[in-house]
Protein backbone atom coordinates (compact mmCIF):
# COMPACT_ATOMS: atom_id res chain seq x y z
CA MET A 1 -0.02 0.06 0.07
CA THR A 2 1.98 2.56 -1.41
CA ALA A 3 2.13 5.75 -3.71
CA SER A 4 4.06 6.86 -6.49
CA SER A 5 4.36 10.08 -8.39
CA ARG A 6 1.62 8.04 -11.03
CA PHE A 7 0.11 5.46 -8.95
CA LEU A 8 -2.10 4.77 -6.16
CA PHE A 9 -1.64 1.98 -4.59
CA LEU A 10 -4.31 0.20 -2.15
CA LYS A 11 -5.14 -3.79 -1.76
CA GLY A 12 -7.06 -4.98 -4.48
CA ILE A 13 -7.15 -1.61 -6.91
CA ILE A 14 -4.24 0.28 -8.44
CA ILE A 15 -5.46 3.67 -9.56
CA ASN A 16 -3.93 5.75 -11.72
CA LYS A 17 -3.94 9.78 -10.51
CA HIS A 18 -4.49 10.73 -13.39
CA TRP A 19 -8.41 9.50 -13.23
CA ILE A 20 -9.25 10.93 -9.84
CA HIS A 21 -12.39 13.27 -10.63
CA HIS A 22 -12.45 14.39 -7.48
CA ILE A 23 -11.75 12.30 -3.52
CA THR A 24 -14.49 14.00 -0.67
CA THR A 25 -12.99 13.85 3.30
CA SER A 26 -14.15 12.99 6.46
CA PRO A 27 -12.37 12.07 9.62
CA GLU A 28 -13.96 8.62 9.05
CA LYS A 29 -13.48 7.97 5.43
CA TYR A 30 -12.27 8.97 2.14
CA VAL A 31 -14.14 8.45 -1.53
CA ILE A 32 -12.33 8.60 -3.78
CA TYR A 33 -14.46 9.27 -7.41
CA LEU A 34 -12.65 7.96 -10.67
CA GLN A 35 -13.31 9.15 -14.42
CA GLN A 36 -14.32 6.06 -15.74
CA ASN A 37 -16.35 6.27 -18.87
CA MET A 38 -16.48 9.30 -21.38
CA ASN A 39 -19.53 9.49 -24.42
CA GLY A 40 -21.15 11.82 -26.52
CA TRP A 41 -21.08 13.65 -29.59
CA SER A 42 -20.94 17.04 -31.11
CA PHE A 43 -21.40 18.00 -34.61
CA LEU A 44 -21.07 22.30 -35.89
CA GLY A 45 -20.20 23.51 -32.27
CA THR A 46 -22.96 22.22 -30.63
CA GLY A 47 -23.70 18.96 -28.09
CA PHE A 48 -23.03 16.56 -25.39
CA MET A 49 -20.55 15.54 -23.22
CA ASN A 50 -21.28 12.42 -20.47
CA SER A 51 -19.61 11.02 -18.12
CA GLU A 52 -19.85 7.98 -15.04
CA HIS A 53 -17.50 8.10 -12.28
CA GLN A 54 -16.44 4.89 -10.63
CA ARG A 55 -16.13 5.14 -6.53
CA VAL A 56 -13.70 3.83 -4.06
CA GLU A 57 -14.86 4.39 -0.64
CA ILE A 58 -11.74 4.11 2.28
CA LYS A 59 -13.05 3.46 5.07
CA LYS A 60 -10.46 4.31 8.90
CA SER A 61 -12.69 1.27 10.78
CA THR A 62 -12.59 -1.62 7.99
CA ASP A 63 -9.13 -0.23 5.74
CA MET A 64 -7.04 1.12 8.43
CA GLU A 65 -4.03 0.46 6.18
CA GLU A 66 -5.45 1.90 2.68
CA TYR A 67 -6.72 5.19 4.87
CA GLU A 68 -2.97 5.91 6.13
CA THR A 69 -1.81 5.61 3.06
CA VAL A 70 -4.38 8.11 1.06
CA SER A 71 -3.87 10.55 4.07
CA LYS A 72 -0.18 10.78 3.22
CA TRP A 73 -1.20 11.08 0.31
CA LEU A 74 -2.88 14.05 0.15
CA LYS A 75 -1.11 15.77 3.08
CA ASP A 76 2.28 14.71 0.37
CA GLU A 77 -0.17 16.06 -2.30
CA GLN A 78 -0.63 19.69 0.24
CA GLU A 79 2.77 20.65 1.07
CA PRO A 80 4.71 22.63 -1.50
CA MET A 81 6.93 22.05 -3.51
CA THR A 82 10.50 23.62 -3.39
């Protein structure tokens, strides 16, 4: 359960960080929404786009190791680069 520059390694899933749409945080869990599918059409400047999001839920009470991995990764992402 580690983080690399491009992937987040959790138990049973490896997440490409570029596919993360957004993350909701709370003291007891993280919910990671991944951009799954994009479809739609465009013709002469009009059309629509649609996307579906897969959801990964990490609870502190049941997934402590993964919760700590995501916590560390989020903390590292918030630190200013030097």
